[in-house]
Amino acid sequence: MLTLYDFLESGNGYKVRLVLHQLGRPFRLVLKNILRGETRAPDFLAKNPNGRIPLLELPDGRCLAESDAILFYFAEGTEYLPEDRYERAQVLQWMFFEQYSHEPNIATVRFWVHFMKPEQIDERQLAKKRELGYAALGVMEKHLTTRSFVVGERYSIADVALYAYTHVAHEGGFDLASYPKVRSWLARVVEQPRHVPIMKSDYGT
């Protein structure tokens, strides 16, 4: 049995849970409360020295960290990763975009607003992160103007990677009203077979 160590509210963890469920891969979900430092405990650090979730443990005991690496691992040989060499590289391009330009801003703002006390938040940093988050959404809006999905006109792990934090961007105060193509794309992702919401916790157990 696959074991996934995760924090339910995490968009990065949700990516993995969503793909595993859509692929019909059973897994055991072990929740770790990152707000209480549970991923900094010695037993977890022995599995992932970086002390972060999600973390996948294979049946043979090997572990794999980093959400997009886990997505790639499971998508290999499936409909969620194109066979065409250029399209595969495009999938990676957008997954890198998600981790470098999208997640550090949209996910960070969501975390600050969702989990921190107002007095703990630096308003200048918050404003800057929001500006960069909107810039990332703008890149997505322009890209999705001429296509239904992020790569190759078919649902892939590039969509999963970007969907995870875009669909909860409002929890960080982002207003998607000016991004109609992004909103339409979000709706198409929800329509995919075996889609599940971020807070679902009882699958694969």
Protein backbone atom coordinates (compact mmCIF):
# COMPACT_ATOMS: atom_id res chain seq x y z
CA MET A 1 0.00 0.00 0.00
CA LEU A 2 1.18 3.48 -0.85
CA THR A 3 1.38 5.87 2.10
CA LEU A 4 0.93 9.61 1.65
CA TYR A 5 1.94 11.94 4.46
CA ASP A 6 -0.01 15.13 4.07
CA PHE A 7 -1.71 18.19 5.56
CA LEU A 8 -5.31 18.31 4.39
CA GLU A 9 -5.42 22.05 3.64
CA SER A 10 -2.23 21.90 1.57
CA GLY A 11 -2.65 22.55 -2.14
CA ASN A 12 0.63 20.75 -2.80
CA GLY A 13 -0.65 17.68 -1.01
CA TYR A 14 -4.02 17.96 -2.74
CA LYS A 15 -2.34 17.65 -6.12
CA VAL A 16 -1.13 14.19 -5.22
CA ARG A 17 -4.38 13.08 -3.60
CA LEU A 18 -6.35 14.22 -6.64
CA VAL A 19 -4.18 12.37 -9.15
CA LEU A 20 -4.03 9.20 -7.06
CA HIS A 21 -7.82 9.20 -6.81
CA GLN A 22 -8.28 9.90 -10.51
CA LEU A 23 -5.89 7.08 -11.38
CA GLY A 24 -7.69 4.73 -9.02
CA ARG A 25 -4.56 4.10 -6.97
CA PRO A 26 -5.40 3.15 -3.36
CA PHE A 27 -3.31 4.79 -0.69
CA ARG A 28 -3.11 5.26 3.04
CA LEU A 29 -3.40 8.90 4.10
CA VAL A 30 -1.40 9.92 7.17
CA LEU A 31 -2.12 13.49 8.20
CA LYS A 32 0.64 15.62 9.68
CA ASN A 33 -0.18 18.98 11.24
CA ILE A 34 2.46 21.36 9.90
CA LEU A 35 1.17 24.11 12.19
CA ARG A 36 2.21 22.01 15.18
CA GLY A 37 5.59 21.08 13.76
CA GLU A 38 4.73 17.42 13.22
CA THR A 39 6.88 17.23 10.08
CA ARG A 40 9.88 18.33 12.13
CA ALA A 41 9.75 15.27 14.37
CA PRO A 42 12.75 12.91 14.11
CA ASP A 43 10.71 10.01 12.68
CA PHE A 44 9.42 12.16 9.84
CA LEU A 45 12.77 13.82 9.18
CA ALA A 46 14.24 10.35 8.79
CA LYS A 47 11.93 9.91 5.81
CA ASN A 48 12.24 13.45 4.44
CA PRO A 49 15.13 15.54 5.80
CA ASN A 50 13.51 18.64 4.30
CA GLY A 51 10.63 18.23 6.75
CA ARG A 52 7.85 18.98 4.31
CA ILE A 53 4.68 17.43 3.00
CA PRO A 54 3.51 15.84 0.83
CA LEU A 55 5.72 12.83 1.18
CA LEU A 56 5.04 9.57 -0.60
CA GLU A 57 6.24 6.28 0.88
CA LEU A 58 6.29 3.36 -1.53
CA PRO A 59 5.42 -0.18 -0.39
CA ASP A 60 9.14 -1.08 -0.40
CA GLY A 61 9.94 1.78 1.99
CA ARG A 62 11.46 4.19 -0.50
CA CYS A 63 10.23 7.78 -0.18
CA LEU A 64 9.61 10.51 -2.72
CA ALA A 65 9.14 14.18 -1.81
CA GLU A 66 8.09 17.33 -3.73
CA SER A 67 4.54 17.37 -5.04
CA ASP A 68 5.31 17.86 -8.72
CA ALA A 69 7.91 15.08 -8.71
CA ILE A 70 5.28 12.78 -7.22
CA LEU A 71 2.78 13.86 -9.89
CA PHE A 72 5.30 13.05 -12.62
CA TYR A 73 6.04 9.66 -11.06
CA PHE A 74 2.41 8.57 -11.17
CA ALA A 75 1.53 10.22 -14.49
CA GLU A 76 4.25 8.36 -16.42
CA GLY A 77 2.56 6.03 -18.89
CA THR A 78 -0.93 7.44 -18.29
CA GLU A 79 -3.22 9.85 -20.12
CA TYR A 80 -2.17 12.61 -17.69
CA LEU A 81 1.30 12.95 -19.26
CA PRO A 82 1.60 13.41 -23.05
CA GLU A 83 3.72 11.01 -25.08
CA ASP A 84 4.88 13.76 -27.44
CA ARG A 85 8.35 14.96 -26.42
CA TYR A 86 7.58 18.66 -26.85
CA GLU A 87 4.27 18.45 -24.99
CA ARG A 88 5.95 16.58 -22.13
CA ALA A 89 8.46 19.41 -21.88
CA GLN A 90 5.58 21.89 -21.89
CA VAL A 91 4.01 20.05 -18.97
CA LEU A 92 7.26 20.47 -17.06
CA GLN A 93 7.46 24.11 -18.14
CA TRP A 94 4.09 24.88 -16.57
CA MET A 95 4.85 22.83 -13.46
CA PHE A 96 8.05 24.85 -13.01
CA PHE A 97 6.03 28.03 -13.55
CA GLU A 98 3.64 26.86 -10.85
CA GLN A 99 6.43 26.28 -8.35
CA TYR A 100 8.47 29.42 -9.13
CA SER A 101 5.90 32.08 -10.06
CA HIS A 102 2.48 30.87 -8.93
CA GLU A 103 2.73 28.86 -5.70
CA PRO A 104 5.25 31.14 -3.90
CA ASN A 105 2.80 34.01 -4.20
CA ILE A 106 -0.76 32.70 -4.32
CA ALA A 107 -0.18 29.86 -1.87
CA THR A 108 1.91 32.01 0.47
CA VAL A 109 -0.74 34.73 0.62
CA ARG A 110 -3.41 32.09 1.28
CA PHE A 111 -1.34 30.67 4.12
CA TRP A 112 -0.75 34.08 5.69
CA VAL A 113 -4.40 35.11 5.47
CA HIS A 114 -5.84 31.69 6.27
CA PHE A 115 -3.60 30.60 9.13
CA MET A 116 -1.79 33.60 10.60
CA LYS A 117 -3.04 36.34 12.89
CA PRO A 118 -3.36 39.79 11.28
CA GLU A 119 -0.68 41.23 13.54
CA GLN A 120 1.78 38.59 12.28
CA ILE A 121 1.47 39.68 8.65
CA ASP A 122 3.73 42.29 7.08
CA GLU A 123 1.30 44.32 4.95
CA ARG A 124 4.00 45.46 2.54
CA GLN A 125 5.11 41.90 1.88
CA LEU A 126 1.48 40.85 1.55
CA ALA A 127 0.84 43.55 -1.06
CA LYS A 128 3.92 42.53 -3.03
CA LYS A 129 3.00 38.86 -2.95
CA ARG A 130 -0.53 39.70 -4.11
CA GLU A 131 0.86 41.75 -6.99
CA LEU A 132 3.04 38.84 -8.08
CA GLY A 133 0.15 36.42 -7.63
CA TYR A 134 -2.06 38.48 -9.90
CA ALA A 135 0.77 38.61 -12.42
CA ALA A 136 0.87 34.80 -12.46
CA LEU A 137 -2.89 34.67 -12.92
CA GLY A 138 -2.49 37.09 -15.80
CA VAL A 139 -0.04 34.75 -17.50
CA MET A 140 -2.54 31.92 -17.11
CA GLU A 141 -5.43 34.04 -18.38
CA LYS A 142 -3.55 34.95 -21.56
CA HIS A 143 -2.45 31.35 -22.12
CA LEU A 144 -5.96 29.94 -21.63
CA THR A 145 -7.52 32.43 -24.03
CA THR A 146 -6.84 30.10 -26.95
CA ARG A 147 -7.00 26.68 -25.30
CA SER A 148 -9.15 24.57 -22.99
CA PHE A 149 -6.35 23.04 -20.94
CA VAL A 150 -2.81 24.07 -20.17
CA VAL A 151 -1.01 21.68 -22.55
CA GLY A 152 -2.13 19.90 -25.69
CA GLU A 153 -5.88 20.50 -25.34
CA ARG A 154 -6.17 17.69 -22.81
CA TYR A 155 -6.21 17.44 -19.05
CA SER A 156 -2.76 16.69 -17.64
CA ILE A 157 -0.72 17.02 -14.49
CA ALA A 158 0.08 20.57 -15.60
CA ASP A 159 -3.59 21.37 -14.96
CA VAL A 160 -3.50 19.56 -11.63
CA ALA A 161 -0.43 21.49 -10.49
CA LEU A 162 -1.94 24.87 -11.33
CA TYR A 163 -5.46 24.03 -10.21
CA ALA A 164 -4.49 23.16 -6.65
CA TYR A 165 -3.86 26.69 -5.42
CA THR A 166 -5.76 28.63 -8.10
CA HIS A 167 -9.10 27.19 -7.04
CA VAL A 168 -8.56 28.35 -3.44
CA ALA A 169 -6.94 31.67 -4.34
CA HIS A 170 -9.99 33.49 -2.97
CA GLU A 171 -8.99 32.26 0.50
CA GLY A 172 -6.00 34.57 0.17
CA GLY A 173 -8.14 37.47 -0.98
CA PHE A 174 -7.52 37.05 -4.72
CA ASP A 175 -10.47 38.13 -6.86
CA LEU A 176 -10.80 36.07 -10.06
CA ALA A 177 -13.60 38.19 -11.51
CA SER A 178 -11.22 39.70 -14.05
CA TYR A 179 -9.94 36.28 -15.14
CA PRO A 180 -12.86 34.66 -17.02
CA LYS A 181 -10.66 32.20 -18.93
CA VAL A 182 -9.10 31.00 -15.70
CA ARG A 183 -12.55 30.59 -14.14
CA SER A 184 -13.80 28.60 -17.14
CA TRP A 185 -10.72 26.40 -16.95
CA LEU A 186 -11.31 25.79 -13.24
CA ALA A 187 -14.81 24.59 -14.09
CA ARG A 188 -13.45 22.21 -16.73
CA VAL A 189 -11.02 20.72 -14.23
CA VAL A 190 -13.86 20.09 -11.78
CA GLU A 191 -15.73 18.24 -14.54
CA GLN A 192 -12.94 15.69 -14.96
CA PRO A 193 -13.74 12.09 -13.94
CA ARG A 194 -13.17 11.21 -10.28
CA HIS A 195 -12.52 14.80 -9.28
CA VAL A 196 -12.52 15.28 -5.50
CA PRO A 197 -12.45 18.43 -3.32
CA ILE A 198 -9.39 19.53 -1.40
CA MET A 199 -10.76 18.73 2.06
CA LYS A 200 -11.80 15.15 1.30
CA SER A 201 -9.97 12.81 3.65
CA ASP A 202 -11.67 9.41 3.47
CA TYR A 203 -10.45 8.10 0.12
CA GLY A 204 -7.81 5.46 -0.19
CA THR A 205 -8.18 4.26 3.36
